[in-house]
Protein backbone atom coordinates (compact mmCIF):
# COMPACT_ATOMS: atom_id res chain seq x y z
CA MET A 1 -10.86 9.57 4.44
CA ILE A 2 -12.58 13.07 5.31
CA THR A 3 -9.72 13.66 7.99
CA MET A 4 -6.76 12.64 5.77
CA ILE A 5 -8.19 14.59 2.76
CA THR A 6 -8.55 17.90 5.22
CA MET A 7 -5.21 17.69 6.77
CA LEU A 8 -3.42 17.21 3.43
CA SER A 9 -5.18 20.08 2.28
CA SER A 10 -3.68 22.34 5.10
CA LEU A 11 -0.43 20.78 4.57
CA ILE A 12 -0.89 21.44 0.72
CA SER A 13 -1.66 25.02 1.37
CA LEU A 14 1.27 25.66 3.73
CA LEU A 15 3.81 24.18 1.37
CA ALA A 16 2.80 26.82 -1.54
CA THR A 17 3.84 29.55 0.88
CA LEU A 18 7.33 27.96 1.62
CA PRO A 19 10.21 28.88 -0.69
CA SER A 20 11.01 26.45 -3.50
CA GLU A 21 14.70 25.66 -2.25
CA GLY A 22 16.04 24.89 0.89
CA GLY A 23 15.50 25.02 4.57
CA GLY A 24 15.14 22.38 6.85
CA GLY A 25 11.54 23.17 7.90
CA ARG A 26 10.17 22.52 4.36
CA LEU A 27 11.98 19.26 4.36
CA LEU A 28 10.16 18.06 7.96
CA LEU A 29 6.75 19.08 6.42
CA VAL A 30 7.51 17.29 3.01
CA VAL A 31 8.02 14.09 5.19
CA ILE A 32 5.05 14.51 7.11
CA VAL A 33 2.95 15.10 4.20
CA ALA A 34 4.52 11.69 2.63
CA ILE A 35 4.08 9.80 6.03
CA LEU A 36 0.88 10.77 6.72
CA PRO A 37 -1.49 8.88 4.06
CA ALA A 38 0.43 5.68 5.88
CA VAL A 39 -0.04 7.13 9.57
CA LEU A 40 -3.73 7.64 8.94
CA LEU A 41 -4.51 4.29 6.97
CA GLY A 42 -2.81 2.20 9.41
CA GLY A 43 -4.18 4.11 12.47
CA TYR A 44 -7.68 3.23 11.10
CA LEU A 45 -7.08 -0.06 10.69
CA TYR A 46 -5.82 -0.26 14.37
CA TYR A 47 -8.99 1.52 15.29
CA ILE A 48 -11.27 -0.85 14.00
CA ASP A 49 -9.66 -4.09 15.38
CA SER A 50 -11.60 -5.83 17.60
CA LYS A 51 -8.72 -7.15 19.70
CA ARG A 52 -5.76 -4.89 18.96
CA GLU A 53 -2.09 -6.15 18.31
CA PRO A 54 0.66 -5.50 20.16
CA ALA A 55 1.98 -2.08 19.06
CA LEU A 56 5.79 -3.45 18.62
CA TRP A 57 4.51 -6.02 16.52
CA LEU A 58 3.03 -3.58 14.00
CA LEU A 59 6.09 -1.65 13.98
CA LEU A 60 8.16 -4.35 13.26
CA GLY A 61 5.88 -5.00 10.51
CA VAL A 62 6.95 -1.11 9.22
CA LEU A 63 10.48 -1.89 9.95
CA LEU A 64 10.22 -4.81 7.49
CA GLY A 65 8.50 -2.88 5.13
CA VAL A 66 11.21 -0.07 5.30
CA LEU A 67 13.96 -2.73 4.85
CA ILE A 68 12.78 -4.43 1.78
CA CYS A 69 12.88 -1.07 0.07
CA LEU A 70 16.55 -1.35 -0.51
CA PRO A 71 16.25 -4.64 -2.36
CA VAL A 72 13.08 -3.64 -4.18
CA ASP A 73 14.80 -0.70 -5.60
CA TYR A 74 17.73 -2.64 -6.77
CA ILE A 75 15.48 -5.46 -8.31
CA GLU A 76 13.45 -2.64 -10.37
CA GLU A 77 16.62 -0.75 -11.56
CA GLN A 78 17.96 -3.83 -13.10
CA LEU A 79 14.66 -4.93 -14.59
CA SER A 80 14.10 -1.49 -16.00
CA GLY A 81 17.55 -1.35 -17.45
CA PHE A 82 17.09 -4.64 -19.23
CA LEU A 83 13.51 -4.01 -20.68
CA PHE A 84 13.77 -0.78 -21.67
CA PRO A 85 17.15 0.20 -22.97
CA PRO A 86 19.07 2.91 -23.03
CA SER A 87 16.37 4.86 -20.94
CA GLY A 88 15.46 2.51 -18.60
CA LYS A 89 11.82 3.78 -19.05
CA PRO A 90 8.76 2.60 -20.77
CA ASP A 91 7.92 4.96 -23.94
CA ASN A 92 4.38 3.91 -25.09
CA LEU A 93 1.20 2.10 -23.36
CA PHE A 94 2.25 -1.17 -23.97
CA GLU A 95 6.05 -1.06 -22.32
CA SER A 96 4.31 1.00 -19.50
CA VAL A 97 1.81 -2.52 -19.08
CA VAL A 98 4.86 -4.62 -18.78
CA ASN A 99 6.73 -1.89 -16.67
CA SER A 100 3.70 -1.98 -14.26
CA LEU A 101 3.56 -5.97 -14.04
CA LEU A 102 7.09 -7.33 -14.01
CA VAL A 103 9.22 -4.03 -12.95
CA VAL A 104 6.75 -2.77 -10.20
CA ALA A 105 4.17 -5.21 -9.09
CA ILE A 106 5.88 -8.59 -8.91
CA PRO A 107 8.99 -7.63 -7.18
CA GLU A 108 7.13 -5.14 -4.65
CA GLU A 109 4.45 -7.73 -3.96
CA THR A 110 6.44 -10.42 -3.67
CA LEU A 111 8.75 -9.07 -1.29
CA LYS A 112 6.04 -7.64 0.70
CA LEU A 113 4.69 -11.12 1.15
CA LEU A 114 7.93 -12.40 2.10
CA ALA A 115 8.22 -9.92 4.70
CA PHE A 116 4.67 -10.33 6.10
CA LEU A 117 5.40 -14.18 6.25
CA LEU A 118 8.29 -13.65 8.08
CA LEU A 119 6.28 -11.22 10.74
CA VAL A 120 3.36 -13.90 11.13
CA PHE A 121 5.50 -16.57 11.19
CA ARG A 122 4.83 -18.37 14.99
CA ASN A 123 4.05 -15.44 15.84
CA ARG A 124 1.03 -16.25 18.76
CA HIS A 125 -0.68 -12.97 18.52
CA PHE A 126 -2.02 -13.97 15.07
CA ASP A 127 -5.12 -15.61 16.08
CA GLU A 128 -7.80 -13.71 14.24
CA HIS A 129 -9.29 -13.27 10.81
CA PHE A 130 -8.21 -9.50 10.84
CA ASP A 131 -4.88 -10.06 11.77
CA GLY A 132 -3.62 -11.03 8.24
CA ILE A 133 -5.14 -7.66 7.00
CA ILE A 134 -3.56 -5.47 9.77
CA TYR A 135 -0.08 -6.99 9.78
CA ALA A 136 0.03 -7.05 5.76
CA ALA A 137 -0.80 -3.59 6.00
CA SER A 138 1.87 -2.68 8.57
CA VAL A 139 4.48 -4.10 6.14
CA SER A 140 2.87 -2.23 3.14
CA LEU A 141 2.34 0.89 4.80
CA GLY A 142 5.76 0.96 6.08
CA PHE A 143 7.04 0.51 2.31
CA ALA A 144 4.77 2.81 1.02
CA ALA A 145 5.88 5.66 3.42
CA VAL A 146 9.51 5.46 2.16
CA GLU A 147 8.76 5.17 -1.23
CA ASN A 148 6.54 8.21 -0.79
CA VAL A 149 9.06 10.27 0.85
CA ASN A 150 11.53 9.37 -2.33
CA TYR A 151 8.68 10.18 -4.70
CA LEU A 152 7.94 13.76 -3.07
CA LEU A 153 11.88 14.69 -2.57
CA ASP A 154 12.54 14.11 -6.67
CA GLN A 155 9.62 16.11 -7.22
CA PRO A 156 10.74 19.79 -7.98
CA GLY A 157 8.64 22.84 -6.51
CA TRP A 158 6.04 20.45 -4.63
CA ALA A 159 3.28 21.35 -6.15
CA VAL A 160 -0.18 20.26 -5.79
CA ILE A 161 -0.15 17.24 -8.26
CA PRO A 162 2.62 15.41 -6.92
CA VAL A 163 1.56 15.25 -3.70
CA VAL A 164 -2.20 14.00 -4.51
CA ARG A 165 -0.53 11.41 -6.53
CA SER A 166 1.77 10.14 -3.59
CA CYS A 167 -1.35 10.21 -1.65
CA LEU A 168 -2.97 8.04 -4.42
CA LEU A 169 0.10 5.45 -4.13
CA VAL A 170 -0.11 4.92 -0.76
CA LEU A 171 -4.05 4.26 -1.19
CA GLY A 172 -2.91 1.50 -3.76
CA HIS A 173 -0.39 -0.29 -1.43
CA TYR A 174 -3.00 -0.30 0.96
CA ALA A 175 -5.63 -1.59 -1.26
CA CYS A 176 -2.98 -4.48 -2.18
CA ALA A 177 -2.18 -4.95 1.75
CA VAL A 178 -5.67 -5.67 2.35
CA LEU A 179 -6.29 -8.31 -0.14
CA MET A 180 -3.11 -10.04 0.82
CA GLY A 181 -4.17 -10.27 4.52
CA TYR A 182 -7.68 -11.04 3.30
CA TYR A 183 -6.63 -14.25 1.35
CA TYR A 184 -3.87 -15.40 3.90
CA SER A 185 -6.70 -15.07 6.71
CA LEU A 186 -9.19 -16.58 4.24
CA HIS A 187 -6.90 -19.53 3.72
CA ARG A 188 -5.74 -20.03 7.43
CA TYR A 189 -9.14 -19.97 9.09
CA VAL A 190 -11.92 -20.17 6.38
CA ASN A 191 -11.09 -22.26 3.54
CA SER A 192 -7.67 -24.03 3.38
CA LYS A 193 -8.16 -24.96 -0.74
CA CYS A 194 -5.01 -23.86 -2.95
CA LEU A 195 -6.68 -21.12 -5.14
CA ASN A 196 -6.89 -18.93 -1.79
CA LEU A 197 -3.37 -19.27 -1.13
CA TYR A 198 -2.52 -18.46 -4.56
CA LEU A 199 -4.88 -15.33 -4.39
CA VAL A 200 -2.66 -14.04 -1.56
CA LEU A 201 0.25 -12.92 -4.07
CA LEU A 202 -1.62 -12.84 -7.24
CA MET A 203 -4.61 -10.67 -6.31
CA PRO A 204 -2.29 -7.71 -5.32
CA ILE A 205 0.15 -8.20 -7.83
CA VAL A 206 -2.97 -7.72 -10.68
CA VAL A 207 -4.25 -4.79 -8.42
CA HIS A 208 -0.88 -3.15 -8.28
CA ALA A 209 -0.49 -3.72 -12.01
CA VAL A 210 -3.63 -2.08 -12.93
CA PHE A 211 -3.48 0.84 -10.58
CA ASN A 212 -0.06 1.90 -12.19
CA THR A 213 -0.78 1.38 -15.44
CA LEU A 214 -3.90 3.63 -15.26
CA LEU A 215 -1.77 6.58 -13.30
CA VAL A 216 -0.32 7.27 -16.65
CA PRO A 217 -2.41 9.29 -18.78
CA PHE A 218 -2.24 7.78 -22.15
CA TRP A 219 -5.90 8.34 -22.92
CA GLY A 220 -5.94 11.41 -21.24
CA GLY A 221 -9.36 12.32 -19.45
CA LEU A 222 -10.55 8.73 -20.11
CA SER A 223 -7.38 7.44 -17.88
CA VAL A 224 -8.67 9.53 -15.48
CA PHE A 225 -11.89 8.46 -15.38
CA LEU A 226 -10.76 4.87 -15.40
CA PHE A 227 -8.53 5.28 -12.87
CA PHE A 228 -10.85 6.62 -10.43
CA LEU A 229 -13.51 4.10 -11.43
CA PHE A 230 -10.80 1.77 -10.56
CA CYS A 231 -10.24 3.27 -7.15
CA TYR A 232 -13.99 3.14 -6.28
CA TYR A 233 -14.26 -0.47 -7.03
CA ILE A 234 -11.09 -1.33 -5.17
CA HIS A 235 -12.42 0.71 -2.20
CA ARG A 236 -15.78 -1.00 -1.99
CA THR A 237 -14.04 -4.36 -2.65
CA CYS A 238 -11.54 -3.88 0.50
CA LYS A 239 -14.43 -2.21 2.87
CA ASN A 240 -16.11 -5.44 2.16
CA LYS A 241 -12.95 -7.60 2.78
CA ILE A 242 -12.49 -5.67 5.90
CA ALA A 243 -16.24 -6.40 7.38
CA PHE A 244 -16.12 -10.11 6.33
CA HIS A 245 -13.17 -10.75 8.63
CA LEU A 246 -14.15 -8.61 11.13
CA ALA A 247 -17.49 -10.28 11.37
CA ASN A 248 -15.83 -13.45 11.20
CA ASP A 249 -14.05 -12.23 14.40
CA MET A 250 -16.88 -11.52 16.40
CA GLY A 251 -18.23 -14.96 15.64
CA PHE A 252 -14.94 -16.45 16.48
CA MET A 253 -14.86 -14.96 19.72
CA ASN A 254 -18.49 -15.68 20.38
CA GLU A 255 -17.75 -19.21 19.84
CA ASN A 256 -14.72 -19.47 21.98
CA TYR A 257 -14.64 -16.68 24.88
CA ARG A 258 -18.46 -16.88 25.28
CA ILE A 259 -18.67 -13.38 25.18
C-alpha cells in the first residue's frame, strides 16, 4: 500500500505540471495512473501466492474482466434511465442507495461472478484455497482498470480528488474480489454448505453497495468518517480472509506433498 501511495503521489504531482487540455503524453500518463492501482494490487496477490498461477490464466481473467465492461455499462444505463427519469441520476440519499445496490452492485458483481466461474470451470490449475481469491481478483481488477480509465477521462483538469477517488474505487473492487474468491474456495474446499455458496455473490454485492453509498457525501464530514471507517474494517476483513486461505494452503501442501 505504501508503494502504491508513493507512486501515485509522484504521478499526481507530474499531472499537475501538465496543461489541462490535449497532449498524447498527458493521456498516456492518465492511463498509467488509472491502471496502476489494479496492477499493484494484482501483483501483490501474485507475489504472496504460495504456488503461483500461470500468468496466461491470470491475463485471461483480466481480459474477461475487460470484456464484461460493455454489457455492464449497457445494463447500468438502462436501469438508471428506468429508475431515475428523466436525468438518469439519483437526486437524494434513498435514490443513491437504490442506485448503489440495483444499478451498480448487483449487475457488476453478477457479471464478474459469471466471468470468474467461466475462468475456473475445469481449470486444472485451480487446486488451492487461495486460487479462488487470485482468479476472482484478476477478473475484478481487469474490470476496475477499464472503469478507472473511463472515470478519469471524464474528469476535466485531472484534479487530485478525482485521482484519489479513482484509486479508492479500485480498492473497492479488490475487496469484493477477495470476498468472492474467499467464499468460493471455502465452499469448494472447506465447507460445502449452501450458505457459503450464497455468500460468494451476496457479500460482494453488500460491500459494493455500502462502499458506493458512502462515497456520496450526503452527510458531509460524517460521510467521510464512515467511509474510511468502513474501508478500515473491510481492509482488516480481507487481510484475514487472505491469511486464512494461505494458511490452509500450507496445511494442504504439507498433507499432500509432504513438504
